[in-house]
Amino acid sequence: MNKKRVLHYAVGACAALAVFVAGIFAQGLFQEPDIAERFGILSNCFLFPAVLIGGIGALSWIANEGTFDMLSYGIGTFFQFLHPQKKRESFYEYKMRKQENQKGWFQHLLVIGIVCFAASAVCLLLYYIS
């Protein structure tokens, strides 16, 4: 792995850890005497960053595939009616311009979200076992 990729994963993991720790203190993990309830709280605390961080990664992947292109083109065309002197580009020209400027998606955030979801599932399993 190159340094830039490691940095992306480190920043994403730190963001997930911050959401996880905030969830621990918000739900009072350390005040709970029952071990089963602690696993339930841990499952919830892992689920928060899984949905937040993983959701951002999933949305960036969906956007990278061009799912939102028609919506953004339509909104842009609507606001171009305010400036009728400008020449409007066709959807095909818009789509080709977007593909040329495409920078990729946040794969590292989706991976971190999946890892957090797996940890949440493990804690949920331990909650039901104990």
C-alpha atoms as a PDB file:
ATOM      1  CA  MET A   1       0.000   0.000   0.000  1.00  0.00           C
ATOM      2  CA  ASN A   2       1.254   3.448  -0.769  1.00  0.00           C
ATOM      3  CA  LYS A   3       1.380   6.210   1.825  1.00  0.00           C
ATOM      4  CA  LYS A   4      -1.627   8.077   0.453  1.00  0.00           C
ATOM      5  CA  ARG A   5      -3.822   5.003   0.677  1.00  0.00           C
ATOM      6  CA  VAL A   6      -2.677   4.273   4.229  1.00  0.00           C
ATOM      7  CA  LEU A   7      -3.435   7.877   5.161  1.00  0.00           C
ATOM      8  CA  HIS A   8      -6.949   7.597   3.709  1.00  0.00           C
ATOM      9  CA  TYR A   9      -7.635   4.457   5.731  1.00  0.00           C
ATOM     10  CA  ALA A  10      -6.136   6.017   8.890  1.00  0.00           C
ATOM     11  CA  VAL A  11      -8.278   9.144   8.618  1.00  0.00           C
ATOM     12  CA  GLY A  12     -11.410   7.082   7.956  1.00  0.00           C
ATOM     13  CA  ALA A  13     -10.627   4.764  10.861  1.00  0.00           C
ATOM     14  CA  CYS A  14     -10.081   7.749  13.178  1.00  0.00           C
ATOM     15  CA  ALA A  15     -13.455   9.178  12.137  1.00  0.00           C
ATOM     16  CA  ALA A  16     -15.127   5.824  12.781  1.00  0.00           C
ATOM     17  CA  LEU A  17     -13.364   5.558  16.131  1.00  0.00           C
ATOM     18  CA  ALA A  18     -14.554   9.047  17.109  1.00  0.00           C
ATOM     19  CA  VAL A  19     -18.166   8.128  16.313  1.00  0.00           C
ATOM     20  CA  PHE A  20     -17.728   4.834  18.180  1.00  0.00           C
ATOM     21  CA  VAL A  21     -16.333   6.529  21.307  1.00  0.00           C
ATOM     22  CA  ALA A  22     -19.070   9.169  21.238  1.00  0.00           C
ATOM     23  CA  GLY A  23     -21.627   6.357  21.128  1.00  0.00           C
ATOM     24  CA  ILE A  24     -19.989   4.609  24.086  1.00  0.00           C
ATOM     25  CA  PHE A  25     -20.240   7.702  26.260  1.00  0.00           C
ATOM     26  CA  ALA A  26     -23.737   8.613  25.008  1.00  0.00           C
ATOM     27  CA  GLN A  27     -25.128   5.176  25.808  1.00  0.00           C
ATOM     28  CA  GLY A  28     -23.315   4.734  29.127  1.00  0.00           C
ATOM     29  CA  LEU A  29     -21.379   1.548  28.452  1.00  0.00           C
ATOM     30  CA  PHE A  30     -19.316   1.770  31.624  1.00  0.00           C
ATOM     31  CA  GLN A  31     -22.343   2.251  33.907  1.00  0.00           C
ATOM     32  CA  GLU A  32     -24.008  -0.945  32.704  1.00  0.00           C
ATOM     33  CA  PRO A  33     -23.398  -3.874  35.119  1.00  0.00           C
ATOM     34  CA  ASP A  34     -24.872  -6.627  32.905  1.00  0.00           C
ATOM     35  CA  ILE A  35     -22.384  -8.106  30.406  1.00  0.00           C
ATOM     36  CA  ALA A  36     -25.115  -8.965  27.887  1.00  0.00           C
ATOM     37  CA  GLU A  37     -26.324  -5.363  27.864  1.00  0.00           C
ATOM     38  CA  ARG A  38     -22.744  -4.201  27.373  1.00  0.00           C
ATOM     39  CA  PHE A  39     -22.516  -6.304  24.223  1.00  0.00           C
ATOM     40  CA  GLY A  40     -25.803  -4.778  23.068  1.00  0.00           C
ATOM     41  CA  ILE A  41     -24.423  -1.277  23.612  1.00  0.00           C
ATOM     42  CA  LEU A  42     -21.201  -2.201  21.802  1.00  0.00           C
ATOM     43  CA  SER A  43     -23.243  -3.533  18.892  1.00  0.00           C
ATOM     44  CA  ASN A  44     -25.089  -0.215  18.666  1.00  0.00           C
ATOM     45  CA  CYS A  45     -21.854   1.754  18.957  1.00  0.00           C
ATOM     46  CA  PHE A  46     -20.279  -0.175  16.075  1.00  0.00           C
ATOM     47  CA  LEU A  47     -23.434   0.219  14.008  1.00  0.00           C
ATOM     48  CA  PHE A  48     -23.319   4.051  14.127  1.00  0.00           C
ATOM     49  CA  PRO A  49     -19.989   4.400  12.246  1.00  0.00           C
ATOM     50  CA  ALA A  50     -20.931   1.497   9.962  1.00  0.00           C
ATOM     51  CA  VAL A  51     -23.989   3.377   8.746  1.00  0.00           C
ATOM     52  CA  LEU A  52     -22.371   6.820   8.718  1.00  0.00           C
ATOM     53  CA  ILE A  53     -18.919   6.078   7.287  1.00  0.00           C
ATOM     54  CA  GLY A  54     -20.010   3.111   5.182  1.00  0.00           C
ATOM     55  CA  GLY A  55     -22.999   5.073   3.897  1.00  0.00           C
ATOM     56  CA  ILE A  56     -20.758   7.874   2.670  1.00  0.00           C
ATOM     57  CA  GLY A  57     -18.573   5.305   0.903  1.00  0.00           C
ATOM     58  CA  ALA A  58     -21.596   3.604  -0.658  1.00  0.00           C
ATOM     59  CA  LEU A  59     -23.077   6.902  -1.836  1.00  0.00           C
ATOM     60  CA  SER A  60     -19.766   7.903  -3.404  1.00  0.00           C
ATOM     61  CA  TRP A  61     -19.652   4.572  -5.240  1.00  0.00           C
ATOM     62  CA  ILE A  62     -23.224   5.042  -6.490  1.00  0.00           C
ATOM     63  CA  ALA A  63     -22.444   8.593  -7.603  1.00  0.00           C
ATOM     64  CA  ASN A  64     -19.272   7.403  -9.332  1.00  0.00           C
ATOM     65  CA  GLU A  65     -21.334   4.957 -11.396  1.00  0.00           C
ATOM     66  CA  GLY A  66     -23.377   7.886 -12.748  1.00  0.00           C
ATOM     67  CA  THR A  67     -26.625   7.261 -10.921  1.00  0.00           C
ATOM     68  CA  PHE A  68     -27.112  10.916  -9.974  1.00  0.00           C
ATOM     69  CA  ASP A  69     -25.991  12.364 -13.332  1.00  0.00           C
ATOM     70  CA  MET A  70     -29.486  12.836 -14.722  1.00  0.00           C
ATOM     71  CA  LEU A  71     -30.638  14.522 -11.520  1.00  0.00           C
ATOM     72  CA  SER A  72     -27.715  16.951 -11.436  1.00  0.00           C
ATOM     73  CA  TYR A  73     -28.098  17.653 -15.168  1.00  0.00           C
ATOM     74  CA  GLY A  74     -31.779  18.409 -14.710  1.00  0.00           C
ATOM     75  CA  ILE A  75     -31.162  20.758 -11.800  1.00  0.00           C
ATOM     76  CA  GLY A  76     -28.388  22.512 -13.720  1.00  0.00           C
ATOM     77  CA  THR A  77     -30.610  22.873 -16.775  1.00  0.00           C
ATOM     78  CA  PHE A  78     -33.408  24.276 -14.622  1.00  0.00           C
ATOM     79  CA  PHE A  79     -31.141  26.968 -13.213  1.00  0.00           C
ATOM     80  CA  GLN A  80     -29.767  27.775 -16.679  1.00  0.00           C
ATOM     81  CA  PHE A  81     -33.179  29.206 -17.529  1.00  0.00           C
ATOM     82  CA  LEU A  82     -32.172  32.131 -15.314  1.00  0.00           C
ATOM     83  CA  HIS A  83     -29.321  32.876 -17.758  1.00  0.00           C
ATOM     84  CA  PRO A  84     -30.832  32.224 -21.221  1.00  0.00           C
ATOM     85  CA  GLN A  85     -27.898  33.740 -23.113  1.00  0.00           C
ATOM     86  CA  LYS A  86     -25.668  30.755 -22.245  1.00  0.00           C
ATOM     87  CA  LYS A  87     -25.616  27.797 -24.637  1.00  0.00           C
ATOM     88  CA  ARG A  88     -26.945  24.625 -23.051  1.00  0.00           C
ATOM     89  CA  GLU A  89     -25.032  21.406 -23.473  1.00  0.00           C
ATOM     90  CA  SER A  90     -26.832  18.167 -24.216  1.00  0.00           C
ATOM     91  CA  PHE A  91     -27.029  15.374 -21.687  1.00  0.00           C
ATOM     92  CA  TYR A  92     -24.567  13.347 -23.757  1.00  0.00           C
ATOM     93  CA  GLU A  93     -22.017  16.197 -23.670  1.00  0.00           C
ATOM     94  CA  TYR A  94     -22.617  16.587 -19.927  1.00  0.00           C
ATOM     95  CA  LYS A  95     -22.129  12.859 -19.340  1.00  0.00           C
ATOM     96  CA  MET A  96     -18.884  12.782 -21.359  1.00  0.00           C
ATOM     97  CA  ARG A  97     -17.553  15.829 -19.479  1.00  0.00           C
ATOM     98  CA  LYS A  98     -18.378  14.192 -16.146  1.00  0.00           C
ATOM     99  CA  GLN A  99     -16.603  10.973 -17.164  1.00  0.00           C
ATOM    100  CA  GLU A 100     -13.450  12.882 -18.126  1.00  0.00           C
ATOM    101  CA  ASN A 101     -13.341  14.663 -14.766  1.00  0.00           C
ATOM    102  CA  GLN A 102     -14.163  11.577 -12.703  1.00  0.00           C
ATOM    103  CA  LYS A 103     -11.835  11.160  -9.726  1.00  0.00           C
ATOM    104  CA  GLY A 104     -13.016   7.882  -8.260  1.00  0.00           C
ATOM    105  CA  TRP A 105     -14.884   7.009  -5.131  1.00  0.00           C
ATOM    106  CA  PHE A 106     -14.176   6.564  -1.416  1.00  0.00           C
ATOM    107  CA  GLN A 107     -13.548   2.823  -1.361  1.00  0.00           C
ATOM    108  CA  HIS A 108     -11.721   3.057   1.961  1.00  0.00           C
ATOM    109  CA  LEU A 109     -14.828   4.447   3.686  1.00  0.00           C
ATOM    110  CA  LEU A 110     -16.965   1.585   2.413  1.00  0.00           C
ATOM    111  CA  VAL A 111     -14.386  -0.955   3.640  1.00  0.00           C
ATOM    112  CA  ILE A 112     -14.237   0.697   7.077  1.00  0.00           C
ATOM    113  CA  GLY A 113     -18.039   0.701   7.218  1.00  0.00           C
ATOM    114  CA  ILE A 114     -18.177  -2.997   6.370  1.00  0.00           C
ATOM    115  CA  VAL A 115     -15.613  -3.790   9.082  1.00  0.00           C
ATOM    116  CA  CYS A 116     -17.636  -1.809  11.634  1.00  0.00           C
ATOM    117  CA  PHE A 117     -20.797  -3.612  10.538  1.00  0.00           C
ATOM    118  CA  ALA A 118     -19.084  -6.976  10.975  1.00  0.00           C
ATOM    119  CA  ALA A 119     -17.936  -5.959  14.478  1.00  0.00           C
ATOM    120  CA  SER A 120     -21.512  -4.912  15.250  1.00  0.00           C
ATOM    121  CA  ALA A 121     -22.807  -8.286  14.078  1.00  0.00           C
ATOM    122  CA  VAL A 122     -20.266 -10.108  16.278  1.00  0.00           C
ATOM    123  CA  CYS A 123     -21.277  -8.046  19.322  1.00  0.00           C
ATOM    124  CA  LEU A 124     -24.940  -8.690  18.547  1.00  0.00           C
ATOM    125  CA  LEU A 125     -24.253 -12.419  18.385  1.00  0.00           C
ATOM    126  CA  LEU A 126     -22.469 -12.236  21.739  1.00  0.00           C
ATOM    127  CA  TYR A 127     -25.426 -10.266  23.140  1.00  0.00           C
ATOM    128  CA  TYR A 128     -27.838 -13.041  22.170  1.00  0.00           C
ATOM    129  CA  ILE A 129     -25.524 -15.805  23.432  1.00  0.00           C
ATOM    130  CA  SER A 130     -24.879 -14.284  26.865  1.00  0.00           C
END
